PDB file of N, CA and C in Angstrom:
ATOM      1  N   MET A   1     -38.341 127.229 101.586  1.00  0.00           N
ATOM      2  CA  MET A   1     -39.355 128.329 101.789  1.00  0.00           C
ATOM      3  C   MET A   1     -38.643 129.754 101.779  1.00  0.00           C
ATOM      4  N   SER A   2     -39.677 130.722 101.059  1.00  0.00           N
ATOM      5  CA  SER A   2     -39.324 132.446 101.103  1.00  0.00           C
ATOM      6  C   SER A   2     -39.539 132.634 102.168  1.00  0.00           C
ATOM      7  N   ASP A   3     -39.038 133.523 102.827  1.00  0.00           N
ATOM      8  CA  ASP A   3     -39.875 134.601 103.611  1.00  0.00           C
ATOM      9  C   ASP A   3     -40.353 136.090 102.856  1.00  0.00           C
ATOM     10  N   LYS A   4     -41.753 136.261 103.745  1.00  0.00           N
ATOM     11  CA  LYS A   4     -42.190 137.189 102.740  1.00  0.00           C
ATOM     12  C   LYS A   4     -41.282 138.854 102.541  1.00  0.00           C
ATOM     13  N   ASN A   5     -40.803 138.917 104.066  1.00  0.00           N
ATOM     14  CA  ASN A   5     -39.496 140.414 104.355  1.00  0.00           C
ATOM     15  C   ASN A   5     -38.015 139.903 103.490  1.00  0.00           C
ATOM     16  N   ASN A   6     -37.817 138.539 103.045  1.00  0.00           N
ATOM     17  CA  ASN A   6     -36.502 138.308 102.905  1.00  0.00           C
ATOM     18  C   ASN A   6     -36.799 137.565 101.587  1.00  0.00           C
ATOM     19  N   PRO A   7     -37.136 137.787 100.335  1.00  0.00           N
ATOM     20  CA  PRO A   7     -36.836 137.257  99.158  1.00  0.00           C
ATOM     21  C   PRO A   7     -35.623 136.770  99.095  1.00  0.00           C
ATOM     22  N   GLN A   8     -35.905 135.596  98.111  1.00  0.00           N
ATOM     23  CA  GLN A   8     -34.668 134.716  97.766  1.00  0.00           C
ATOM     24  C   GLN A   8     -34.334 135.012  97.446  1.00  0.00           C
ATOM     25  N   GLY A   9     -32.422 134.596  97.919  1.00  0.00           N
ATOM     26  CA  GLY A   9     -31.124 135.165  97.001  1.00  0.00           C
ATOM     27  C   GLY A   9     -31.012 136.374  97.998  1.00  0.00           C
ATOM     28  N   GLN A  10     -31.573 137.033  98.873  1.00  0.00           N
ATOM     29  CA  GLN A  10     -31.491 138.235  99.483  1.00  0.00           C
ATOM     30  C   GLN A  10     -30.456 138.098 101.096  1.00  0.00           C
ATOM     31  N   ILE A  11     -29.267 138.818 101.289  1.00  0.00           N
ATOM     32  CA  ILE A  11     -28.210 138.555 102.776  1.00  0.00           C
ATOM     33  C   ILE A  11     -29.132 139.540 103.233  1.00  0.00           C
ATOM     34  N   ASN A  12     -29.546 139.677 104.642  1.00  0.00           N
ATOM     35  CA  ASN A  12     -29.043 141.042 105.673  1.00  0.00           C
ATOM     36  C   ASN A  12     -28.182 140.528 106.430  1.00  0.00           C
ATOM     37  N   ILE A  13     -27.139 142.069 106.041  1.00  0.00           N
ATOM     38  CA  ILE A  13     -26.236 142.118 106.712  1.00  0.00           C
ATOM     39  C   ILE A  13     -26.481 143.157 107.623  1.00  0.00           C
ATOM     40  N   GLU A  14     -26.010 142.895 108.716  1.00  0.00           N
ATOM     41  CA  GLU A  14     -25.909 143.858 109.877  1.00  0.00           C
ATOM     42  C   GLU A  14     -24.683 144.631 110.051  1.00  0.00           C
ATOM     43  N   LEU A  15     -24.651 145.848 110.553  1.00  0.00           N
ATOM     44  CA  LEU A  15     -23.588 146.775 110.619  1.00  0.00           C
ATOM     45  C   LEU A  15     -23.428 147.546 111.687  1.00  0.00           C
ATOM     46  N   ASP A  16     -22.677 147.158 112.795  1.00  0.00           N
ATOM     47  CA  ASP A  16     -22.714 147.509 114.088  1.00  0.00           C
ATOM     48  C   ASP A  16     -22.052 149.304 114.256  1.00  0.00           C
ATOM     49  N   GLU A  17     -22.379 149.988 115.138  1.00  0.00           N
ATOM     50  CA  GLU A  17     -22.354 151.110 114.933  1.00  0.00           C
ATOM     51  C   GLU A  17     -20.977 151.231 115.458  1.00  0.00           C
ATOM     52  N   GLN A  18     -20.009 150.526 116.014  1.00  0.00           N
ATOM     53  CA  GLN A  18     -18.247 150.273 116.240  1.00  0.00           C
ATOM     54  C   GLN A  18     -17.595 150.011 115.113  1.00  0.00           C
ATOM     55  N   THR A  19     -18.351 148.896 114.308  1.00  0.00           N
ATOM     56  CA  THR A  19     -17.342 148.847 113.040  1.00  0.00           C
ATOM     57  C   THR A  19     -18.005 149.628 111.848  1.00  0.00           C
ATOM     58  N   ALA A  20     -19.279 150.327 111.793  1.00  0.00           N
ATOM     59  CA  ALA A  20     -19.390 151.703 110.823  1.00  0.00           C
ATOM     60  C   ALA A  20     -18.337 152.738 111.226  1.00  0.00           C
ATOM     61  N   GLU A  21     -17.835 152.889 112.313  1.00  0.00           N
ATOM     62  CA  GLU A  21     -16.736 153.589 112.206  1.00  0.00           C
ATOM     63  C   GLU A  21     -15.598 153.498 111.157  1.00  0.00           C
ATOM     64  N   GLY A  22     -15.214 152.180 110.874  1.00  0.00           N
ATOM     65  CA  GLY A  22     -13.846 151.979 110.232  1.00  0.00           C
ATOM     66  C   GLY A  22     -12.958 152.218 111.230  1.00  0.00           C
ATOM     67  N   THR A  23     -11.838 151.282 110.786  1.00  0.00           N
ATOM     68  CA  THR A  23     -10.427 151.651 110.809  1.00  0.00           C
ATOM     69  C   THR A  23      -9.623 152.144 110.432  1.00  0.00           C
ATOM     70  N   TYR A  24      -8.899 153.309 110.728  1.00  0.00           N
ATOM     71  CA  TYR A  24      -7.803 153.734 109.770  1.00  0.00           C
ATOM     72  C   TYR A  24      -6.199 153.159 109.489  1.00  0.00           C
ATOM     73  N   SER A  25      -6.051 152.669 108.050  1.00  0.00           N
ATOM     74  CA  SER A  25      -5.112 152.252 107.749  1.00  0.00           C
ATOM     75  C   SER A  25      -4.211 152.704 106.644  1.00  0.00           C
ATOM     76  N   ASN A  26      -2.817 152.502 106.220  1.00  0.00           N
ATOM     77  CA  ASN A  26      -2.275 153.141 105.267  1.00  0.00           C
ATOM     78  C   ASN A  26      -1.221 151.955 105.010  1.00  0.00           C
ATOM     79  N   LEU A  27      -1.215 150.972 105.622  1.00  0.00           N
ATOM     80  CA  LEU A  27      -0.632 149.752 105.244  1.00  0.00           C
ATOM     81  C   LEU A  27      -1.656 148.179 105.129  1.00  0.00           C
ATOM     82  N   ALA A  28      -1.108 147.960 103.870  1.00  0.00           N
ATOM     83  CA  ALA A  28      -1.416 146.301 103.689  1.00  0.00           C
ATOM     84  C   ALA A  28      -0.375 145.349 103.715  1.00  0.00           C
ATOM     85  N   ILE A  29      -0.390 144.423 104.364  1.00  0.00           N
ATOM     86  CA  ILE A  29       1.006 143.154 104.209  1.00  0.00           C
ATOM     87  C   ILE A  29       0.029 141.998 103.966  1.00  0.00           C
ATOM     88  N   ILE A  30       0.505 141.282 102.826  1.00  0.00           N
ATOM     89  CA  ILE A  30      -0.600 140.396 102.125  1.00  0.00           C
ATOM     90  C   ILE A  30       0.361 138.599 102.141  1.00  0.00           C
ATOM     91  N   ASN A  31       0.112 138.192 102.579  1.00  0.00           N
ATOM     92  CA  ASN A  31       0.547 136.846 103.115  1.00  0.00           C
ATOM     93  C   ASN A  31      -0.389 135.890 102.047  1.00  0.00           C
ATOM     94  N   HIS A  32       0.450 134.242 101.568  1.00  0.00           N
ATOM     95  CA  HIS A  32      -0.699 133.732 101.761  1.00  0.00           C
ATOM     96  C   HIS A  32      -0.722 132.346 101.279  1.00  0.00           C
ATOM     97  N   SER A  33      -1.337 130.690 101.654  1.00  0.00           N
ATOM     98  CA  SER A  33      -0.351 129.858 101.935  1.00  0.00           C
ATOM     99  C   SER A  33      -1.225 128.876 100.310  1.00  0.00           C
ATOM    100  N   ASN A  34      -1.182 127.620 100.243  1.00  0.00           N
ATOM    101  CA  ASN A  34      -1.934 127.380  99.101  1.00  0.00           C
ATOM    102  C   ASN A  34      -3.555 127.081  99.148  1.00  0.00           C
ATOM    103  N   THR A  35      -4.116 127.525 100.608  1.00  0.00           N
ATOM    104  CA  THR A  35      -5.653 127.792 100.920  1.00  0.00           C
ATOM    105  C   THR A  35      -6.178 129.061 101.248  1.00  0.00           C
ATOM    106  N   GLU A  36      -5.540 129.554 101.685  1.00  0.00           N
ATOM    107  CA  GLU A  36      -5.937 131.145 102.044  1.00  0.00           C
ATOM    108  C   GLU A  36      -4.807 132.446 101.540  1.00  0.00           C
ATOM    109  N   PHE A  37      -5.352 133.365 102.153  1.00  0.00           N
ATOM    110  CA  PHE A  37      -5.088 134.320 102.034  1.00  0.00           C
ATOM    111  C   PHE A  37      -4.963 135.220 102.985  1.00  0.00           C
ATOM    112  N   VAL A  38      -3.559 135.885 103.730  1.00  0.00           N
ATOM    113  CA  VAL A  38      -3.798 136.789 104.965  1.00  0.00           C
ATOM    114  C   VAL A  38      -3.962 138.507 104.419  1.00  0.00           C
ATOM    115  N   VAL A  39      -4.628 139.266 104.888  1.00  0.00           N
ATOM    116  CA  VAL A  39      -4.517 140.597 104.825  1.00  0.00           C
ATOM    117  C   VAL A  39      -4.507 141.215 105.932  1.00  0.00           C
ATOM    118  N   ASP A  40      -3.080 141.734 105.997  1.00  0.00           N
ATOM    119  CA  ASP A  40      -2.723 142.549 108.018  1.00  0.00           C
ATOM    120  C   ASP A  40      -3.279 144.097 107.472  1.00  0.00           C
ATOM    121  N   PHE A  41      -4.189 144.476 107.907  1.00  0.00           N
ATOM    122  CA  PHE A  41      -4.106 146.093 108.086  1.00  0.00           C
ATOM    123  C   PHE A  41      -3.427 146.950 109.182  1.00  0.00           C
ATOM    124  N   VAL A  42      -2.150 147.693 108.884  1.00  0.00           N
ATOM    125  CA  VAL A  42      -1.425 148.325 109.638  1.00  0.00           C
ATOM    126  C   VAL A  42      -1.723 149.483 109.806  1.00  0.00           C
ATOM    127  N   SER A  43      -1.356 150.932 110.929  1.00  0.00           N
ATOM    128  CA  SER A  43      -1.511 152.229 111.076  1.00  0.00           C
ATOM    129  C   SER A  43       0.144 152.169 111.353  1.00  0.00           C
ATOM    130  N   ILE A  44       0.751 152.788 110.318  1.00  0.00           N
ATOM    131  CA  ILE A  44       2.048 153.175 110.568  1.00  0.00           C
ATOM    132  C   ILE A  44       2.134 155.093 110.639  1.00  0.00           C
ATOM    133  N   MET A  45       2.506 155.273 111.825  1.00  0.00           N
ATOM    134  CA  MET A  45       2.483 156.973 112.014  1.00  0.00           C
ATOM    135  C   MET A  45       3.935 157.279 112.105  1.00  0.00           C
ATOM    136  N   PRO A  46       4.011 158.604 111.723  1.00  0.00           N
ATOM    137  CA  PRO A  46       5.934 158.824 111.337  1.00  0.00           C
ATOM    138  C   PRO A  46       6.042 159.204 113.322  1.00  0.00           C
ATOM    139  N   GLY A  47       7.766 158.675 113.223  1.00  0.00           N
ATOM    140  CA  GLY A  47       8.284 158.893 113.996  1.00  0.00           C
ATOM    141  C   GLY A  47       7.912 157.792 115.426  1.00  0.00           C
ATOM    142  N   MET A  48       7.013 157.080 114.756  1.00  0.00           N
ATOM    143  CA  MET A  48       6.802 155.595 115.555  1.00  0.00           C
ATOM    144  C   MET A  48       7.783 154.754 115.938  1.00  0.00           C
ATOM    145  N   PRO A  49       8.067 154.406 116.691  1.00  0.00           N
ATOM    146  CA  PRO A  49       9.053 153.052 116.190  1.00  0.00           C
ATOM    147  C   PRO A  49       8.317 151.732 116.171  1.00  0.00           C
ATOM    148  N   LYS A  50       6.476 151.556 116.411  1.00  0.00           N
ATOM    149  CA  LYS A  50       6.001 150.570 116.751  1.00  0.00           C
ATOM    150  C   LYS A  50       4.612 150.903 115.819  1.00  0.00           C
ATOM    151  N   ALA A  51       4.088 149.420 115.356  1.00  0.00           N
ATOM    152  CA  ALA A  51       3.082 149.702 114.747  1.00  0.00           C
ATOM    153  C   ALA A  51       2.169 148.685 114.634  1.00  0.00           C
ATOM    154  N   LYS A  52       0.976 148.690 114.807  1.00  0.00           N
ATOM    155  CA  LYS A  52       0.155 147.325 115.247  1.00  0.00           C
ATOM    156  C   LYS A  52      -0.488 147.020 114.257  1.00  0.00           C
ATOM    157  N   VAL A  53      -0.665 146.019 113.895  1.00  0.00           N
ATOM    158  CA  VAL A  53      -1.939 145.302 113.372  1.00  0.00           C
ATOM    159  C   VAL A  53      -3.218 145.910 113.504  1.00  0.00           C
ATOM    160  N   LYS A  54      -4.283 146.524 112.731  1.00  0.00           N
ATOM    161  CA  LYS A  54      -5.335 146.929 113.121  1.00  0.00           C
ATOM    162  C   LYS A  54      -6.704 145.782 112.745  1.00  0.00           C
ATOM    163  N   SER A  55      -6.474 145.029 112.245  1.00  0.00           N
ATOM    164  CA  SER A  55      -7.190 144.321 111.696  1.00  0.00           C
ATOM    165  C   SER A  55      -6.610 142.927 110.530  1.00  0.00           C
ATOM    166  N   ARG A  56      -6.903 142.005 110.843  1.00  0.00           N
ATOM    167  CA  ARG A  56      -6.913 140.995 110.128  1.00  0.00           C
ATOM    168  C   ARG A  56      -7.825 140.368 109.232  1.00  0.00           C
ATOM    169  N   ILE A  57      -7.852 140.234 108.201  1.00  0.00           N
ATOM    170  CA  ILE A  57      -9.069 139.543 107.082  1.00  0.00           C
ATOM    171  C   ILE A  57      -8.321 138.305 106.614  1.00  0.00           C
ATOM    172  N   VAL A  58      -8.946 136.629 106.975  1.00  0.00           N
ATOM    173  CA  VAL A  58      -8.310 135.937 106.022  1.00  0.00           C
ATOM    174  C   VAL A  58      -9.597 135.489 104.935  1.00  0.00           C
ATOM    175  N   LEU A  59      -9.283 135.719 103.802  1.00  0.00           N
ATOM    176  CA  LEU A  59     -10.119 134.941 102.542  1.00  0.00           C
ATOM    177  C   LEU A  59      -9.793 133.391 101.837  1.00  0.00           C
ATOM    178  N   THR A  60     -10.891 132.927 101.111  1.00  0.00           N
ATOM    179  CA  THR A  60     -10.301 132.079 100.432  1.00  0.00           C
ATOM    180  C   THR A  60      -9.190 132.568  99.094  1.00  0.00           C
ATOM    181  N   PRO A  61      -8.834 131.756  98.463  1.00  0.00           N
ATOM    182  CA  PRO A  61      -8.098 132.311  96.993  1.00  0.00           C
ATOM    183  C   PRO A  61      -9.601 132.735  96.118  1.00  0.00           C
ATOM    184  N   GLN A  62     -10.291 132.193  96.340  1.00  0.00           N
ATOM    185  CA  GLN A  62     -11.602 132.625  95.517  1.00  0.00           C
ATOM    186  C   GLN A  62     -12.294 134.075  95.820  1.00  0.00           C
ATOM    187  N   HIS A  63     -12.068 133.820  96.993  1.00  0.00           N
ATOM    188  CA  HIS A  63     -12.711 135.478  97.461  1.00  0.00           C
ATOM    189  C   HIS A  63     -11.403 136.811  97.664  1.00  0.00           C
ATOM    190  N   ALA A  64     -10.379 136.020  97.475  1.00  0.00           N
ATOM    191  CA  ALA A  64      -9.309 136.992  97.430  1.00  0.00           C
ATOM    192  C   ALA A  64      -9.186 137.625  95.914  1.00  0.00           C
ATOM    193  N   LYS A  65      -9.590 136.536  95.015  1.00  0.00           N
ATOM    194  CA  LYS A  65      -9.836 137.098  93.479  1.00  0.00           C
ATOM    195  C   LYS A  65     -10.927 138.258  93.135  1.00  0.00           C
ATOM    196  N   ARG A  66     -11.909 137.922  94.111  1.00  0.00           N
ATOM    197  CA  ARG A  66     -12.990 138.561  93.849  1.00  0.00           C
ATOM    198  C   ARG A  66     -12.835 139.771  93.882  1.00  0.00           C
ATOM    199  N   LEU A  67     -12.150 139.761  95.108  1.00  0.00           N
ATOM    200  CA  LEU A  67     -12.316 141.444  96.019  1.00  0.00           C
ATOM    201  C   LEU A  67     -11.121 142.360  95.019  1.00  0.00           C
ATOM    202  N   LEU A  68     -10.092 141.585  94.408  1.00  0.00           N
ATOM    203  CA  LEU A  68      -9.347 142.389  93.175  1.00  0.00           C
ATOM    204  C   LEU A  68     -10.483 142.559  92.332  1.00  0.00           C
ATOM    205  N   MET A  69     -11.104 142.036  92.265  1.00  0.00           N
ATOM    206  CA  MET A  69     -11.868 142.620  90.584  1.00  0.00           C
ATOM    207  C   MET A  69     -12.623 143.553  91.221  1.00  0.00           C
ATOM    208  N   ALA A  70     -13.192 143.392  92.205  1.00  0.00           N
ATOM    209  CA  ALA A  70     -14.097 144.518  93.171  1.00  0.00           C
ATOM    210  C   ALA A  70     -13.062 145.794  93.196  1.00  0.00           C
ATOM    211  N   LEU A  71     -12.256 145.710  93.733  1.00  0.00           N
ATOM    212  CA  LEU A  71     -11.900 146.701  93.886  1.00  0.00           C
ATOM    213  C   LEU A  71     -11.096 147.673  92.839  1.00  0.00           C
ATOM    214  N   SER A  72     -11.092 146.348  91.501  1.00  0.00           N
ATOM    215  CA  SER A  72     -10.181 147.151  90.513  1.00  0.00           C
ATOM    216  C   SER A  72     -11.676 147.968  89.427  1.00  0.00           C
ATOM    217  N   GLU A  73     -12.345 147.519  90.098  1.00  0.00           N
ATOM    218  CA  GLU A  73     -13.821 148.111  89.556  1.00  0.00           C
ATOM    219  C   GLU A  73     -13.989 149.010  89.930  1.00  0.00           C
ATOM    220  N   ASN A  74     -14.381 149.135  90.833  1.00  0.00           N
ATOM    221  CA  ASN A  74     -14.477 150.297  91.902  1.00  0.00           C
ATOM    222  C   ASN A  74     -13.740 151.725  91.763  1.00  0.00           C
ATOM    223  N   ILE A  75     -12.405 151.045  91.759  1.00  0.00           N
ATOM    224  CA  ILE A  75     -11.256 152.253  91.268  1.00  0.00           C
ATOM    225  C   ILE A  75     -11.189 153.388  89.957  1.00  0.00           C
ATOM    226  N   HIS A  76     -11.489 152.144  88.419  1.00  0.00           N
ATOM    227  CA  HIS A  76     -12.247 152.418  87.753  1.00  0.00           C
ATOM    228  C   HIS A  76     -13.402 153.483  87.923  1.00  0.00           C
ATOM    229  N   ARG A  77     -14.542 153.267  88.429  1.00  0.00           N
ATOM    230  CA  ARG A  77     -15.758 154.250  88.623  1.00  0.00           C
ATOM    231  C   ARG A  77     -15.279 155.284  89.154  1.00  0.00           C
ATOM    232  N   PHE A  78     -14.179 155.610  90.078  1.00  0.00           N
ATOM    233  CA  PHE A  78     -14.123 156.536  90.892  1.00  0.00           C
ATOM    234  C   PHE A  78     -13.092 156.847  90.354  1.00  0.00           C
ATOM    235  N   GLU A  79     -11.851 156.634  89.069  1.00  0.00           N
ATOM    236  CA  GLU A  79     -11.104 157.480  88.681  1.00  0.00           C
ATOM    237  C   GLU A  79     -11.938 157.755  87.617  1.00  0.00           C
ATOM    238  N   SER A  80     -13.235 157.766  86.805  1.00  0.00           N
ATOM    239  CA  SER A  80     -14.342 157.919  85.778  1.00  0.00           C
ATOM    240  C   SER A  80     -14.371 159.330  86.252  1.00  0.00           C
ATOM    241  N   ALA A  81     -14.978 158.805  87.660  1.00  0.00           N
ATOM    242  CA  ALA A  81     -16.141 160.207  88.350  1.00  0.00           C
ATOM    243  C   ALA A  81     -15.087 161.549  88.584  1.00  0.00           C
ATOM    244  N   HIS A  82     -13.663 161.273  89.520  1.00  0.00           N
ATOM    245  CA  HIS A  82     -13.003 161.963  89.456  1.00  0.00           C
ATOM    246  C   HIS A  82     -11.565 162.415  89.548  1.00  0.00           C
ATOM    247  N   GLY A  83     -11.451 161.736  88.708  1.00  0.00           N
ATOM    248  CA  GLY A  83     -10.192 161.995  87.834  1.00  0.00           C
ATOM    249  C   GLY A  83      -9.055 160.592  88.057  1.00  0.00           C
ATOM    250  N   GLU A  84      -7.837 160.723  87.615  1.00  0.00           N
ATOM    251  CA  GLU A  84      -6.959 159.894  87.792  1.00  0.00           C
ATOM    252  C   GLU A  84      -6.295 159.684  89.463  1.00  0.00           C
ATOM    253  N   ILE A  85      -6.085 158.271  90.566  1.00  0.00           N
ATOM    254  CA  ILE A  85      -5.678 158.269  91.578  1.00  0.00           C
ATOM    255  C   ILE A  85      -4.243 158.440  90.876  1.00  0.00           C
ATOM    256  N   LYS A  86      -3.449 159.376  91.748  1.00  0.00           N
ATOM    257  CA  LYS A  86      -2.112 159.921  90.921  1.00  0.00           C
ATOM    258  C   LYS A  86      -1.281 158.914  92.509  1.00  0.00           C
ATOM    259  N   GLU A  87       0.046 157.945  92.444  1.00  0.00           N
ATOM    260  CA  GLU A  87       0.471 157.396  93.444  1.00  0.00           C
ATOM    261  C   GLU A  87       1.849 158.659  93.550  1.00  0.00           C
ATOM    262  N   ALA A  88       1.478 159.208  95.115  1.00  0.00           N
ATOM    263  CA  ALA A  88       2.361 159.464  95.513  1.00  0.00           C
ATOM    264  C   ALA A  88       3.882 158.869  95.827  1.00  0.00           C
ATOM    265  N   GLU A  89       4.912 159.121  95.915  1.00  0.00           N
ATOM    266  CA  GLU A  89       5.866 158.539  95.575  1.00  0.00           C
ATOM    267  C   GLU A  89       6.211 157.751  97.291  1.00  0.00           C
ATOM    268  N   GLN A  90       6.600 156.668  97.611  1.00  0.00           N
ATOM    269  CA  GLN A  90       6.423 156.322  99.267  1.00  0.00           C
ATOM    270  C   GLN A  90       8.087 156.254  99.615  1.00  0.00           C
ATOM    271  N   PRO A  91       7.944 156.498 101.119  1.00  0.00           N
ATOM    272  CA  PRO A  91       9.340 156.199 101.225  1.00  0.00           C
ATOM    273  C   PRO A  91       9.332 154.474 101.985  1.00  0.00           C
ATOM    274  N   PRO A  92      10.705 153.769 101.770  1.00  0.00           N
ATOM    275  CA  PRO A  92      10.497 152.657 102.068  1.00  0.00           C
ATOM    276  C   PRO A  92      10.254 152.462 103.405  1.00  0.00           C
ATOM    277  N   ILE A  93       9.460 151.286 103.336  1.00  0.00           N
ATOM    278  CA  ILE A  93       9.129 150.893 104.805  1.00  0.00           C
ATOM    279  C   ILE A  93       9.799 150.495 105.297  1.00  0.00           C
ATOM    280  N   PRO A  94      10.172 150.684 106.503  1.00  0.00           N
ATOM    281  CA  PRO A  94      10.827 149.595 107.449  1.00  0.00           C
ATOM    282  C   PRO A  94      10.002 148.227 108.203  1.00  0.00           C
ATOM    283  N   PHE A  95      10.961 147.522 108.192  1.00  0.00           N
ATOM    284  CA  PHE A  95       9.876 146.329 109.181  1.00  0.00           C
ATOM    285  C   PHE A  95      10.711 145.877 110.010  1.00  0.00           C
ATOM    286  N   ASN A  96      11.536 146.488 110.644  1.00  0.00           N
ATOM    287  CA  ASN A  96      11.676 146.459 111.872  1.00  0.00           C
ATOM    288  C   ASN A  96      11.567 147.751 112.516  1.00  0.00           C
ATOM    289  N   PHE A  97      10.433 147.838 112.924  1.00  0.00           N
ATOM    290  CA  PHE A  97       9.852 148.260 113.751  1.00  0.00           C
ATOM    291  C   PHE A  97      10.121 149.161 114.728  1.00  0.00           C
ATOM    292  N   GLY A  98      11.377 148.603 115.776  1.00  0.00           N
ATOM    293  CA  GLY A  98      11.757 148.656 116.927  1.00  0.00           C
ATOM    294  C   GLY A  98      13.489 148.570 116.855  1.00  0.00           C
ATOM    295  N   PRO A  99      13.743 148.771 118.168  1.00  0.00           N
ATOM    296  CA  PRO A  99      15.216 148.032 118.287  1.00  0.00           C
ATOM    297  C   PRO A  99      15.630 147.029 118.044  1.00  0.00           C
ATOM    298  N   THR A 100      16.548 146.869 117.250  1.00  0.00           N
ATOM    299  CA  THR A 100      16.790 145.212 117.165  1.00  0.00           C
ATOM    300  C   THR A 100      18.131 145.050 118.087  1.00  0.00           C
ATOM    301  N   GLY A 101      17.474 143.326 118.063  1.00  0.00           N
ATOM    302  CA  GLY A 101      18.352 142.622 119.634  1.00  0.00           C
ATOM    303  C   GLY A 101      20.195 142.326 119.091  1.00  0.00           C
ATOM    304  N   GLN A 102      20.698 142.310 119.829  1.00  0.00           N
ATOM    305  CA  GLN A 102      22.049 141.912 119.350  1.00  0.00           C
ATOM    306  C   GLN A 102      22.486 140.393 120.249  1.00  0.00           C
ATOM    307  N   ALA A 103      23.149 139.378 119.856  1.00  0.00           N
ATOM    308  CA  ALA A 103      23.248 138.347 120.479  1.00  0.00           C
ATOM    309  C   ALA A 103      24.900 138.805 120.723  1.00  0.00           C
TER     310      ALA A 103
END
């Protein structure tokens, strides 16, 4: 049965104020198993010995592929409107965000 205010096939998506503000991330770490992809969004600040995962998104392989295609399409549209996104040379990211222990 179809609701007059919500025609069939439409999804009502809510976005609360805190989520709408977004979370800054300048690193994504991606891992996968045979059933899911895990994307950790991290914010690394220069001179800080630690970084925290700000958000973790878990996707099915099918949704991960859809995300890849959607990002690719949106990057293409962005570059068509604003020019090529140039890759800046990135220094290597250390994965030991603090002092290492010794035995």
